[in-house]
């Protein structure tokens, strides 16, 4: 019985995700689903990315948290339109939550939409939202064993950002080992090493985003 219930939930989520995907495609907006554990740096990466791209592209954000509007307020200070989703305890966003949030966001005016998922290395990987890319952020402070412990997250993601590389002198972490293990799980994974504190590597990340946005027809 439990297996049937879970299957039904995932099938319903996938159906709504496809509706979201069609809507995003019609609006020609690039949609990135950002996933990570709590504290890996999703919001900091968003702030830095928006600051770099906002003079070229129209960027919006859907913020997902269990509680509070703290991160949405941070993003709001960048000038980007932002909608907050509080899950009230759920450990991930689902496609229905995104569909509801879109009632308060005019995606036809956007070139790029970020969805900042709830901090969790398990559940968010299982739920499609209709996004173009799943991107996961892993801070070096979390260690280089995470691909071994949370393989589904690495398998489902298209992009891996290894964040906080400025902390490498103080961490027992080998980023090359992260890359090696991650690529064994997903050979097509695009990997960026970045530091939101120093800005190192962010140019490669934002250049990649520019390329993806420009592949879509101009509005």
N, C-alpha and C. Protein backbone atom coordinates (compact mmCIF):
# COMPACT_ATOMS: atom_id res chain seq x y z
N UNK A 1 0.82 -1.20 0.00
CA UNK A 1 0.00 0.00 0.00
C UNK A 1 0.86 1.26 0.00
N UNK A 2 1.91 1.25 0.86
CA UNK A 2 2.77 2.42 0.95
C UNK A 2 3.47 2.70 -0.38
N UNK A 3 3.92 1.61 -1.06
CA UNK A 3 4.58 1.76 -2.35
C UNK A 3 3.63 2.38 -3.36
N UNK A 4 2.37 1.97 -3.37
CA UNK A 4 1.39 2.51 -4.30
C UNK A 4 1.15 4.00 -4.05
N UNK A 5 1.08 4.38 -2.77
CA UNK A 5 0.86 5.79 -2.44
C UNK A 5 2.02 6.64 -2.92
N UNK A 6 3.24 6.18 -2.67
CA UNK A 6 4.43 6.92 -3.11
C UNK A 6 4.44 7.05 -4.63
N UNK A 7 4.12 5.96 -5.31
CA UNK A 7 4.08 5.98 -6.78
C UNK A 7 3.07 6.99 -7.28
N UNK A 8 1.91 7.04 -6.66
CA UNK A 8 0.87 7.98 -7.08
C UNK A 8 1.31 9.43 -6.86
N UNK A 9 1.99 9.68 -5.74
CA UNK A 9 2.48 11.03 -5.46
C UNK A 9 3.48 11.46 -6.52
N UNK A 10 4.42 10.58 -6.85
CA UNK A 10 5.45 10.92 -7.83
C UNK A 10 4.85 11.09 -9.22
N UNK A 11 3.86 10.27 -9.56
CA UNK A 11 3.22 10.40 -10.88
C UNK A 11 2.45 11.71 -10.98
N UNK A 12 1.75 12.09 -9.91
CA UNK A 12 1.03 13.35 -9.91
C UNK A 12 1.99 14.52 -10.00
N UNK A 13 3.10 14.42 -9.29
CA UNK A 13 4.11 15.48 -9.35
C UNK A 13 4.67 15.62 -10.76
N UNK A 14 4.93 14.48 -11.40
CA UNK A 14 5.50 14.51 -12.74
C UNK A 14 4.53 15.14 -13.74
N UNK A 15 3.25 14.87 -13.57
CA UNK A 15 2.23 15.44 -14.47
C UNK A 15 2.19 16.96 -14.36
N UNK A 16 2.23 17.48 -13.14
CA UNK A 16 2.21 18.93 -12.96
C UNK A 16 3.54 19.54 -13.39
N UNK A 17 4.64 18.82 -13.17
CA UNK A 17 5.95 19.29 -13.62
C UNK A 17 5.97 19.50 -15.12
N UNK A 18 5.32 18.60 -15.85
CA UNK A 18 5.26 18.74 -17.31
C UNK A 18 4.45 19.97 -17.70
N UNK A 19 3.39 20.25 -16.97
CA UNK A 19 2.62 21.47 -17.21
C UNK A 19 3.49 22.71 -16.97
N UNK A 20 4.27 22.68 -15.89
CA UNK A 20 5.18 23.79 -15.61
C UNK A 20 6.20 23.95 -16.73
N UNK A 21 6.73 22.81 -17.18
CA UNK A 21 7.76 22.85 -18.23
C UNK A 21 7.22 23.47 -19.51
N UNK A 22 6.01 23.12 -19.85
CA UNK A 22 5.41 23.70 -21.06
C UNK A 22 5.20 25.21 -20.91
N UNK A 23 4.84 25.61 -19.71
CA UNK A 23 4.64 27.04 -19.46
C UNK A 23 5.97 27.79 -19.52
N UNK A 24 7.01 27.20 -18.94
CA UNK A 24 8.34 27.84 -18.99
C UNK A 24 8.82 27.95 -20.43
N UNK A 25 8.62 26.87 -21.18
CA UNK A 25 9.07 26.85 -22.57
C UNK A 25 8.35 27.90 -23.39
N UNK A 26 7.05 28.04 -23.18
CA UNK A 26 6.27 29.03 -23.92
C UNK A 26 6.74 30.45 -23.60
N UNK A 27 7.22 30.65 -22.38
CA UNK A 27 7.69 31.98 -21.96
C UNK A 27 9.17 32.19 -22.28
N UNK A 28 9.83 31.14 -22.78
CA UNK A 28 11.26 31.20 -23.14
C UNK A 28 12.12 31.65 -21.95
N UNK A 29 11.84 31.10 -20.80
CA UNK A 29 12.61 31.42 -19.61
C UNK A 29 13.43 30.20 -19.20
N UNK A 30 14.71 30.42 -18.92
CA UNK A 30 15.59 29.36 -18.43
C UNK A 30 15.32 29.16 -16.94
N UNK A 31 15.09 27.91 -16.52
CA UNK A 31 14.74 27.63 -15.13
C UNK A 31 15.78 26.71 -14.51
N UNK A 32 16.36 27.16 -13.40
CA UNK A 32 17.39 26.43 -12.68
C UNK A 32 16.87 26.06 -11.30
N UNK A 33 16.90 24.79 -10.97
CA UNK A 33 16.50 24.28 -9.66
C UNK A 33 17.77 24.09 -8.83
N UNK A 34 18.01 24.97 -7.84
CA UNK A 34 19.22 24.91 -7.02
C UNK A 34 18.96 24.07 -5.78
N UNK A 35 19.81 23.06 -5.57
CA UNK A 35 19.66 22.14 -4.45
C UNK A 35 20.97 22.03 -3.70
N UNK A 36 20.87 21.84 -2.39
CA UNK A 36 22.06 21.63 -1.57
C UNK A 36 21.62 21.29 -0.16
N UNK A 37 22.58 20.94 0.68
CA UNK A 37 22.31 20.83 2.10
C UNK A 37 22.23 22.24 2.70
N UNK A 38 21.66 22.38 3.91
CA UNK A 38 21.62 23.72 4.53
C UNK A 38 23.03 24.27 4.74
N UNK A 39 23.21 25.54 4.40
CA UNK A 39 24.49 26.20 4.65
C UNK A 39 25.55 26.02 3.58
N UNK A 40 25.21 25.34 2.49
CA UNK A 40 26.20 25.14 1.43
C UNK A 40 26.45 26.39 0.61
N UNK A 41 25.48 27.34 0.65
CA UNK A 41 25.72 28.61 -0.03
C UNK A 41 24.78 28.92 -1.18
N UNK A 42 23.58 28.34 -1.19
CA UNK A 42 22.64 28.60 -2.30
C UNK A 42 22.29 30.08 -2.40
N UNK A 43 21.91 30.68 -1.29
CA UNK A 43 21.46 32.08 -1.33
C UNK A 43 22.61 33.01 -1.66
N UNK A 44 23.78 32.74 -1.12
CA UNK A 44 24.96 33.57 -1.44
C UNK A 44 25.30 33.47 -2.92
N UNK A 45 25.21 32.26 -3.47
CA UNK A 45 25.46 32.10 -4.91
C UNK A 45 24.44 32.86 -5.72
N UNK A 46 23.18 32.82 -5.31
CA UNK A 46 22.14 33.57 -6.02
C UNK A 46 22.42 35.06 -5.99
N UNK A 47 22.78 35.58 -4.82
CA UNK A 47 23.06 37.01 -4.71
C UNK A 47 24.17 37.42 -5.67
N UNK A 48 25.27 36.67 -5.67
CA UNK A 48 26.40 36.99 -6.53
C UNK A 48 26.03 36.87 -8.01
N UNK A 49 25.29 35.82 -8.34
CA UNK A 49 24.91 35.59 -9.74
C UNK A 49 24.00 36.68 -10.26
N UNK A 50 23.01 37.05 -9.45
CA UNK A 50 22.08 38.12 -9.85
C UNK A 50 22.83 39.44 -10.04
N UNK A 51 23.75 39.75 -9.16
CA UNK A 51 24.50 40.99 -9.26
C UNK A 51 25.28 41.07 -10.57
N UNK A 52 25.81 39.92 -11.02
CA UNK A 52 26.59 39.90 -12.26
C UNK A 52 25.68 40.01 -13.49
N UNK A 53 24.52 39.36 -13.46
CA UNK A 53 23.69 39.22 -14.66
C UNK A 53 22.57 40.24 -14.79
N UNK A 54 22.23 40.96 -13.71
CA UNK A 54 21.00 41.75 -13.71
C UNK A 54 20.99 42.89 -14.72
N UNK A 55 22.15 43.36 -15.16
CA UNK A 55 22.18 44.43 -16.17
C UNK A 55 22.01 43.88 -17.59
N UNK A 56 22.12 42.56 -17.75
CA UNK A 56 21.98 41.92 -19.07
C UNK A 56 20.67 41.17 -19.21
N UNK A 57 20.22 40.56 -18.12
CA UNK A 57 19.05 39.69 -18.18
C UNK A 57 18.10 39.98 -17.03
N UNK A 58 16.85 39.58 -17.24
CA UNK A 58 15.83 39.74 -16.20
C UNK A 58 15.75 38.44 -15.41
N UNK A 59 16.09 38.54 -14.13
CA UNK A 59 16.23 37.35 -13.28
C UNK A 59 15.18 37.38 -12.18
N UNK A 60 14.49 36.26 -11.97
CA UNK A 60 13.54 36.12 -10.88
C UNK A 60 13.88 34.91 -10.03
N UNK A 61 13.32 34.86 -8.82
CA UNK A 61 13.65 33.78 -7.88
C UNK A 61 12.39 33.30 -7.17
N UNK A 62 12.28 31.98 -7.03
CA UNK A 62 11.31 31.37 -6.12
C UNK A 62 12.11 30.78 -4.98
N UNK A 63 11.82 31.23 -3.77
CA UNK A 63 12.56 30.80 -2.59
C UNK A 63 11.78 29.74 -1.83
N UNK A 64 12.42 28.61 -1.55
CA UNK A 64 11.78 27.55 -0.78
C UNK A 64 12.45 27.35 0.56
N UNK A 65 11.69 27.45 1.63
CA UNK A 65 12.18 27.20 2.98
C UNK A 65 11.09 26.55 3.80
N UNK A 66 11.47 25.84 4.82
CA UNK A 66 10.48 25.27 5.73
C UNK A 66 9.74 26.38 6.47
N UNK A 67 10.50 27.42 6.84
CA UNK A 67 9.91 28.51 7.61
C UNK A 67 10.73 29.78 7.36
N UNK A 68 10.12 30.93 7.59
CA UNK A 68 10.75 32.27 7.55
C UNK A 68 10.84 32.81 6.12
N UNK A 69 11.10 34.11 6.03
CA UNK A 69 11.29 34.79 4.75
C UNK A 69 12.69 35.39 4.67
N UNK A 70 13.59 34.90 5.48
CA UNK A 70 14.93 35.49 5.60
C UNK A 70 15.66 35.52 4.26
N UNK A 71 15.70 34.38 3.59
CA UNK A 71 16.43 34.32 2.30
C UNK A 71 15.73 35.15 1.23
N UNK A 72 14.40 35.15 1.21
CA UNK A 72 13.67 35.96 0.24
C UNK A 72 13.97 37.43 0.43
N UNK A 73 14.10 37.86 1.67
CA UNK A 73 14.43 39.26 1.94
C UNK A 73 15.83 39.59 1.44
N UNK A 74 16.76 38.66 1.60
CA UNK A 74 18.11 38.87 1.06
C UNK A 74 18.08 39.03 -0.45
N UNK A 75 17.34 38.14 -1.13
CA UNK A 75 17.25 38.20 -2.58
C UNK A 75 16.53 39.47 -3.02
N UNK A 76 15.51 39.87 -2.28
CA UNK A 76 14.77 41.08 -2.63
C UNK A 76 15.65 42.31 -2.67
N UNK A 77 16.70 42.32 -1.85
CA UNK A 77 17.59 43.48 -1.82
C UNK A 77 18.44 43.59 -3.08
N UNK A 78 18.50 42.52 -3.89
CA UNK A 78 19.22 42.60 -5.16
C UNK A 78 18.39 43.30 -6.23
N UNK A 79 17.10 43.47 -5.97
CA UNK A 79 16.20 44.06 -6.95
C UNK A 79 15.47 43.04 -7.79
N UNK A 80 15.80 41.76 -7.64
CA UNK A 80 15.13 40.73 -8.42
C UNK A 80 13.76 40.42 -7.82
N UNK A 81 12.75 40.19 -8.65
CA UNK A 81 11.44 39.77 -8.12
C UNK A 81 11.57 38.40 -7.47
N UNK A 82 10.94 38.23 -6.31
CA UNK A 82 11.09 36.98 -5.56
C UNK A 82 9.75 36.59 -4.95
N UNK A 83 9.46 35.30 -4.97
CA UNK A 83 8.28 34.74 -4.33
C UNK A 83 8.73 33.71 -3.32
N UNK A 84 8.20 33.78 -2.10
CA UNK A 84 8.56 32.85 -1.04
C UNK A 84 7.57 31.71 -0.96
N UNK A 85 8.09 30.49 -0.82
CA UNK A 85 7.28 29.31 -0.50
C UNK A 85 7.75 28.79 0.85
N UNK A 86 6.87 28.71 1.82
CA UNK A 86 7.16 28.04 3.09
C UNK A 86 6.46 26.70 3.10
N UNK A 87 7.21 25.64 3.23
CA UNK A 87 6.64 24.30 3.11
C UNK A 87 5.98 23.83 4.40
N UNK A 88 6.23 24.50 5.50
CA UNK A 88 5.61 24.13 6.76
C UNK A 88 6.08 22.80 7.31
N UNK A 89 7.26 22.36 6.90
CA UNK A 89 7.80 21.09 7.40
C UNK A 89 8.25 20.15 6.30
N UNK A 90 7.70 20.29 5.10
CA UNK A 90 8.11 19.41 3.99
C UNK A 90 9.57 19.68 3.64
N UNK A 91 10.29 18.60 3.32
CA UNK A 91 11.75 18.70 3.12
C UNK A 91 12.14 19.00 1.68
N UNK A 92 11.18 19.37 0.84
CA UNK A 92 11.48 19.66 -0.56
C UNK A 92 10.34 20.48 -1.15
N UNK A 93 10.61 21.08 -2.29
CA UNK A 93 9.55 21.68 -3.09
C UNK A 93 9.02 20.64 -4.07
N UNK A 94 7.74 20.78 -4.41
CA UNK A 94 7.18 19.92 -5.45
C UNK A 94 6.60 20.79 -6.56
N UNK A 95 6.19 20.14 -7.64
CA UNK A 95 5.75 20.88 -8.82
C UNK A 95 4.48 21.67 -8.57
N UNK A 96 3.61 21.17 -7.69
CA UNK A 96 2.38 21.89 -7.39
C UNK A 96 2.68 23.19 -6.64
N UNK A 97 3.65 23.16 -5.73
CA UNK A 97 4.05 24.39 -5.03
C UNK A 97 4.55 25.44 -6.03
N UNK A 98 5.33 24.97 -7.00
CA UNK A 98 5.85 25.90 -8.01
C UNK A 98 4.71 26.47 -8.85
N UNK A 99 3.78 25.63 -9.22
CA UNK A 99 2.65 26.10 -10.01
C UNK A 99 1.87 27.18 -9.27
N UNK A 100 1.69 26.99 -7.96
CA UNK A 100 1.00 27.98 -7.16
C UNK A 100 1.82 29.27 -7.05
N UNK A 101 3.12 29.16 -6.90
CA UNK A 101 3.98 30.34 -6.78
C UNK A 101 3.97 31.17 -8.05
N UNK A 102 3.78 30.52 -9.20
CA UNK A 102 3.79 31.23 -10.48
C UNK A 102 2.60 32.18 -10.63
N UNK A 103 1.60 32.02 -9.77
CA UNK A 103 0.49 32.96 -9.78
C UNK A 103 0.94 34.37 -9.37
N UNK A 104 2.07 34.43 -8.67
CA UNK A 104 2.57 35.70 -8.15
C UNK A 104 3.86 36.15 -8.83
N UNK A 105 4.16 35.54 -9.99
CA UNK A 105 5.40 35.89 -10.69
C UNK A 105 5.13 35.87 -12.19
N UNK A 106 5.40 36.97 -12.86
CA UNK A 106 5.17 37.07 -14.30
C UNK A 106 6.40 36.56 -15.04
N UNK A 107 6.42 35.27 -15.34
CA UNK A 107 7.62 34.69 -15.95
C UNK A 107 7.82 35.15 -17.39
N UNK A 108 6.78 35.71 -18.02
CA UNK A 108 6.94 36.20 -19.39
C UNK A 108 7.88 37.40 -19.44
N UNK A 109 8.11 38.02 -18.30
CA UNK A 109 9.03 39.17 -18.25
C UNK A 109 10.44 38.76 -17.86
N UNK A 110 10.68 37.45 -17.68
CA UNK A 110 11.97 36.97 -17.19
C UNK A 110 12.76 36.24 -18.27
N UNK A 111 14.08 36.31 -18.14
CA UNK A 111 14.97 35.50 -18.96
C UNK A 111 15.48 34.28 -18.19
N UNK A 112 15.57 34.43 -16.88
CA UNK A 112 16.15 33.40 -16.03
C UNK A 112 15.37 33.33 -14.72
N UNK A 113 14.96 32.11 -14.34
CA UNK A 113 14.26 31.90 -13.08
C UNK A 113 15.03 30.87 -12.26
N UNK A 114 15.43 31.27 -11.06
CA UNK A 114 16.04 30.35 -10.11
C UNK A 114 14.99 29.87 -9.13
N UNK A 115 15.00 28.57 -8.85
CA UNK A 115 14.20 28.01 -7.78
C UNK A 115 15.17 27.52 -6.71
N UNK A 116 15.18 28.19 -5.56
CA UNK A 116 16.05 27.75 -4.47
C UNK A 116 15.28 26.74 -3.63
N UNK A 117 15.69 25.49 -3.72
CA UNK A 117 14.98 24.42 -3.05
C UNK A 117 15.30 24.39 -1.56
N UNK A 118 14.54 23.62 -0.81
CA UNK A 118 14.78 23.44 0.61
C UNK A 118 16.11 22.72 0.81
N UNK A 119 16.87 23.12 1.83
CA UNK A 119 18.17 22.51 2.08
C UNK A 119 18.06 21.05 2.48
N UNK A 120 18.52 20.16 1.58
CA UNK A 120 18.36 18.72 1.81
C UNK A 120 19.06 18.00 0.66
N UNK A 121 19.86 17.00 0.94
CA UNK A 121 20.56 16.26 -0.12
C UNK A 121 19.83 14.98 -0.54
N UNK A 122 18.58 14.81 -0.10
CA UNK A 122 17.86 13.58 -0.44
C UNK A 122 16.61 13.89 -1.26
N UNK A 123 15.57 14.38 -0.61
CA UNK A 123 14.24 14.49 -1.24
C UNK A 123 14.18 15.38 -2.48
N UNK A 124 14.82 16.56 -2.51
CA UNK A 124 14.67 17.42 -3.69
C UNK A 124 15.06 16.75 -5.00
N UNK A 125 15.98 15.79 -4.94
CA UNK A 125 16.43 15.13 -6.17
C UNK A 125 15.33 14.28 -6.80
N UNK A 126 14.35 13.86 -6.00
CA UNK A 126 13.31 12.95 -6.49
C UNK A 126 12.14 13.66 -7.16
N UNK A 127 12.03 14.97 -6.98
CA UNK A 127 10.84 15.69 -7.43
C UNK A 127 11.19 16.68 -8.54
N UNK A 128 10.75 16.37 -9.75
CA UNK A 128 10.89 17.31 -10.86
C UNK A 128 9.93 18.48 -10.66
N UNK A 129 10.40 19.66 -11.03
CA UNK A 129 9.59 20.87 -10.89
C UNK A 129 9.22 21.47 -12.24
N UNK A 130 9.75 20.89 -13.31
CA UNK A 130 9.57 21.45 -14.64
C UNK A 130 10.76 22.27 -15.09
N UNK A 131 11.84 22.20 -14.32
CA UNK A 131 13.04 23.00 -14.58
C UNK A 131 13.80 22.51 -15.81
N UNK A 132 14.67 23.37 -16.32
CA UNK A 132 15.58 22.97 -17.40
C UNK A 132 16.77 22.21 -16.85
N UNK A 133 17.29 22.68 -15.72
CA UNK A 133 18.48 22.06 -15.12
C UNK A 133 18.32 21.96 -13.61
N UNK A 134 18.74 20.84 -13.07
CA UNK A 134 18.97 20.73 -11.63
C UNK A 134 20.45 21.04 -11.39
N UNK A 135 20.72 21.95 -10.47
CA UNK A 135 22.09 22.31 -10.12
C UNK A 135 22.27 22.12 -8.62
N UNK A 136 23.25 21.35 -8.23
CA UNK A 136 23.50 21.15 -6.80
C UNK A 136 24.77 21.87 -6.38
N UNK A 137 24.74 22.35 -5.16
CA UNK A 137 25.88 23.05 -4.58
C UNK A 137 26.40 22.21 -3.43
N UNK A 138 27.71 21.97 -3.42
CA UNK A 138 28.35 21.22 -2.35
C UNK A 138 29.51 22.05 -1.83
N UNK A 139 29.48 22.40 -0.56
CA UNK A 139 30.60 23.17 -0.01
C UNK A 139 31.72 22.22 0.39
N UNK A 140 32.95 22.69 0.31
CA UNK A 140 34.09 21.84 0.66
C UNK A 140 34.07 21.48 2.14
N UNK A 141 33.39 22.29 2.95
CA UNK A 141 33.30 21.99 4.38
C UNK A 141 32.50 20.72 4.65
N UNK A 142 31.71 20.27 3.66
CA UNK A 142 30.90 19.06 3.83
C UNK A 142 31.70 17.78 3.58
N UNK A 143 32.87 17.90 3.00
CA UNK A 143 33.71 16.73 2.76
C UNK A 143 33.57 16.17 1.36
N UNK A 144 34.54 15.32 1.00
CA UNK A 144 34.57 14.76 -0.36
C UNK A 144 33.89 13.40 -0.46
N UNK A 145 33.21 12.97 0.62
CA UNK A 145 32.53 11.68 0.59
C UNK A 145 31.07 11.76 0.17
N UNK A 146 30.56 12.96 -0.09
CA UNK A 146 29.13 13.12 -0.33
C UNK A 146 28.63 12.41 -1.60
N UNK A 147 29.43 12.34 -2.68
CA UNK A 147 28.93 11.57 -3.82
C UNK A 147 28.68 10.10 -3.48
N UNK A 148 29.46 9.58 -2.55
CA UNK A 148 29.27 8.18 -2.13
C UNK A 148 28.03 8.02 -1.28
N UNK A 149 27.71 9.04 -0.48
CA UNK A 149 26.59 8.94 0.46
C UNK A 149 25.25 9.36 -0.13
N UNK A 150 25.28 10.28 -1.10
CA UNK A 150 24.04 10.81 -1.68
C UNK A 150 24.09 10.73 -3.21
N UNK A 151 24.25 9.53 -3.76
CA UNK A 151 24.47 9.41 -5.22
C UNK A 151 23.31 9.92 -6.07
N UNK A 152 22.06 9.80 -5.60
CA UNK A 152 20.93 10.22 -6.42
C UNK A 152 21.00 11.71 -6.75
N UNK A 153 21.41 12.52 -5.79
CA UNK A 153 21.51 13.96 -6.02
C UNK A 153 22.48 14.27 -7.15
N UNK A 154 23.60 13.56 -7.16
CA UNK A 154 24.60 13.77 -8.21
C UNK A 154 24.13 13.19 -9.54
N UNK A 155 23.41 12.10 -9.47
CA UNK A 155 22.91 11.47 -10.70
C UNK A 155 21.87 12.34 -11.39
N UNK A 156 20.99 12.97 -10.61
CA UNK A 156 19.89 13.74 -11.18
C UNK A 156 20.30 15.15 -11.59
N UNK A 157 21.40 15.65 -11.06
CA UNK A 157 21.82 17.02 -11.36
C UNK A 157 22.55 17.10 -12.70
N UNK A 158 22.43 18.25 -13.34
CA UNK A 158 23.19 18.53 -14.56
C UNK A 158 24.43 19.36 -14.27
N UNK A 159 24.39 20.07 -13.13
CA UNK A 159 25.46 20.98 -12.76
C UNK A 159 25.85 20.74 -11.30
N UNK A 160 27.14 20.76 -11.03
CA UNK A 160 27.66 20.69 -9.67
C UNK A 160 28.56 21.89 -9.43
N UNK A 161 28.22 22.67 -8.42
CA UNK A 161 29.07 23.78 -8.01
C UNK A 161 29.75 23.40 -6.69
N UNK A 162 31.07 23.29 -6.71
CA UNK A 162 31.83 23.02 -5.49
C UNK A 162 32.18 24.37 -4.89
N UNK A 163 31.49 24.71 -3.82
CA UNK A 163 31.53 26.07 -3.26
C UNK A 163 32.47 26.15 -2.05
N UNK A 164 32.79 27.39 -1.70
CA UNK A 164 33.62 27.72 -0.55
C UNK A 164 35.04 27.18 -0.69
N UNK A 165 35.57 27.23 -1.92
CA UNK A 165 36.93 26.73 -2.13
C UNK A 165 37.97 27.59 -1.42
N UNK A 166 37.57 28.79 -0.99
CA UNK A 166 38.48 29.60 -0.18
C UNK A 166 38.77 28.95 1.17
N UNK A 167 37.95 27.99 1.58
CA UNK A 167 38.14 27.30 2.86
C UNK A 167 39.00 26.04 2.74
N UNK A 168 39.47 25.71 1.55
CA UNK A 168 40.22 24.48 1.36
C UNK A 168 41.44 24.35 2.27
N UNK A 169 42.18 25.45 2.55
CA UNK A 169 43.33 25.30 3.46
C UNK A 169 42.93 24.88 4.87
N UNK A 170 41.66 25.02 5.20
CA UNK A 170 41.20 24.72 6.56
C UNK A 170 40.31 23.48 6.63
N UNK A 171 40.14 22.79 5.50
CA UNK A 171 39.25 21.63 5.44
C UNK A 171 40.01 20.39 4.98
N UNK A 172 39.61 19.26 5.51
CA UNK A 172 40.14 17.99 5.04
C UNK A 172 39.28 17.51 3.89
N UNK A 173 39.46 18.16 2.75
CA UNK A 173 38.61 17.89 1.59
C UNK A 173 39.44 17.99 0.32
N UNK A 174 39.25 17.04 -0.57
CA UNK A 174 39.95 17.02 -1.85
C UNK A 174 38.93 17.24 -2.97
N UNK A 175 38.86 18.46 -3.54
CA UNK A 175 37.85 18.73 -4.57
C UNK A 175 38.02 17.85 -5.82
N UNK A 176 39.25 17.43 -6.10
CA UNK A 176 39.45 16.54 -7.25
C UNK A 176 38.79 15.19 -7.01
N UNK A 177 38.78 14.77 -5.75
CA UNK A 177 38.12 13.51 -5.42
C UNK A 177 36.60 13.65 -5.52
N UNK A 178 36.07 14.82 -5.14
CA UNK A 178 34.64 15.08 -5.34
C UNK A 178 34.29 14.95 -6.82
N UNK A 179 35.08 15.59 -7.66
CA UNK A 179 34.82 15.56 -9.10
C UNK A 179 34.91 14.14 -9.64
N UNK A 180 35.95 13.41 -9.24
CA UNK A 180 36.13 12.04 -9.73
C UNK A 180 34.93 11.17 -9.35
N UNK A 181 34.51 11.24 -8.10
CA UNK A 181 33.40 10.42 -7.64
C UNK A 181 32.08 10.84 -8.27
N UNK A 182 31.90 12.14 -8.41
CA UNK A 182 30.66 12.64 -9.01
C UNK A 182 30.55 12.23 -10.48
N UNK A 183 31.66 12.29 -11.20
CA UNK A 183 31.64 11.94 -12.62
C UNK A 183 31.48 10.44 -12.84
N UNK A 184 31.87 9.64 -11.87
CA UNK A 184 31.61 8.21 -11.96
C UNK A 184 30.10 7.93 -11.90
N UNK A 185 29.39 8.75 -11.13
CA UNK A 185 27.94 8.62 -11.02
C UNK A 185 27.25 9.22 -12.23
N UNK A 186 27.76 10.38 -12.68
CA UNK A 186 27.11 11.11 -13.77
C UNK A 186 28.19 11.72 -14.67
N UNK A 187 28.62 11.01 -15.71
CA UNK A 187 29.71 11.50 -16.57
C UNK A 187 29.39 12.80 -17.31
N UNK A 188 28.10 13.16 -17.39
CA UNK A 188 27.72 14.37 -18.13
C UNK A 188 27.64 15.61 -17.22
N UNK A 189 28.01 15.45 -15.98
CA UNK A 189 27.89 16.53 -15.01
C UNK A 189 28.84 17.69 -15.35
N UNK A 190 28.28 18.91 -15.41
CA UNK A 190 29.08 20.12 -15.58
C UNK A 190 29.52 20.59 -14.20
N UNK A 191 30.82 20.79 -13.99
CA UNK A 191 31.34 21.09 -12.67
C UNK A 191 32.07 22.44 -12.66
N UNK A 192 31.74 23.24 -11.63
CA UNK A 192 32.39 24.52 -11.42
C UNK A 192 32.91 24.57 -9.98
N UNK A 193 34.14 25.01 -9.82
CA UNK A 193 34.68 25.29 -8.49
C UNK A 193 34.56 26.78 -8.24
N UNK A 194 33.90 27.17 -7.16
CA UNK A 194 33.61 28.59 -6.94
C UNK A 194 33.80 28.97 -5.47
N UNK A 195 33.96 30.26 -5.27
CA UNK A 195 33.92 30.86 -3.94
C UNK A 195 33.07 32.11 -4.00
N UNK A 196 31.96 32.11 -3.27
CA UNK A 196 31.12 33.30 -3.23
C UNK A 196 31.78 34.41 -2.43
N UNK A 197 32.70 34.05 -1.55
CA UNK A 197 33.38 35.06 -0.73
C UNK A 197 34.42 35.83 -1.54
N UNK A 198 35.24 35.11 -2.33
CA UNK A 198 36.30 35.77 -3.09
C UNK A 198 35.92 36.04 -4.54
N UNK A 199 34.89 35.35 -5.04
CA UNK A 199 34.49 35.49 -6.43
C UNK A 199 35.19 34.54 -7.37
N UNK A 200 36.12 33.75 -6.85
CA UNK A 200 36.88 32.83 -7.70
C UNK A 200 35.94 31.83 -8.39
N UNK A 201 36.10 31.69 -9.68
CA UNK A 201 35.35 30.71 -10.45
C UNK A 201 33.95 31.12 -10.86
N UNK A 202 33.45 32.22 -10.31
CA UNK A 202 32.08 32.62 -10.62
C UNK A 202 31.92 33.06 -12.08
N UNK A 203 33.00 33.53 -12.69
CA UNK A 203 32.91 33.97 -14.08
C UNK A 203 32.59 32.80 -15.01
N UNK A 204 33.16 31.62 -14.75
CA UNK A 204 32.85 30.44 -15.57
C UNK A 204 31.38 30.06 -15.42
N UNK A 205 30.87 30.12 -14.21
CA UNK A 205 29.47 29.80 -13.93
C UNK A 205 28.54 30.78 -14.64
N UNK A 206 28.79 32.07 -14.51
CA UNK A 206 27.90 33.05 -15.13
C UNK A 206 28.03 33.05 -16.65
N UNK A 207 29.22 32.76 -17.17
CA UNK A 207 29.36 32.64 -18.62
C UNK A 207 28.55 31.47 -19.15
N UNK A 208 28.53 30.37 -18.40
CA UNK A 208 27.72 29.21 -18.80
C UNK A 208 26.25 29.57 -18.80
N UNK A 209 25.80 30.30 -17.78
CA UNK A 209 24.40 30.72 -17.73
C UNK A 209 24.05 31.62 -18.91
N UNK A 210 24.93 32.56 -19.24
CA UNK A 210 24.70 33.43 -20.40
C UNK A 210 24.48 32.60 -21.66
N UNK A 211 25.33 31.60 -21.83
CA UNK A 211 25.22 30.75 -23.03
C UNK A 211 23.87 30.04 -23.07
N UNK A 212 23.43 29.52 -21.93
CA UNK A 212 22.16 28.81 -21.89
C UNK A 212 20.98 29.75 -22.15
N UNK A 213 21.04 30.95 -21.60
CA UNK A 213 19.95 31.92 -21.81
C UNK A 213 19.87 32.32 -23.27
N UNK A 214 21.01 32.58 -23.89
CA UNK A 214 21.03 33.07 -25.26
C UNK A 214 20.65 32.00 -26.27
N UNK A 215 20.67 30.74 -25.86
CA UNK A 215 20.22 29.68 -26.76
C UNK A 215 18.71 29.71 -26.94
N UNK A 216 18.02 30.39 -26.04
CA UNK A 216 16.58 30.54 -26.17
C UNK A 216 16.28 31.76 -27.03
N UNK A 217 15.17 31.73 -27.72
CA UNK A 217 14.83 32.82 -28.62
C UNK A 217 14.63 34.11 -27.83
N UNK A 218 15.08 35.25 -28.36
CA UNK A 218 14.85 36.51 -27.66
C UNK A 218 13.38 36.83 -27.55
N UNK A 219 13.02 37.52 -26.46
CA UNK A 219 11.62 37.87 -26.25
C UNK A 219 11.28 39.20 -26.93
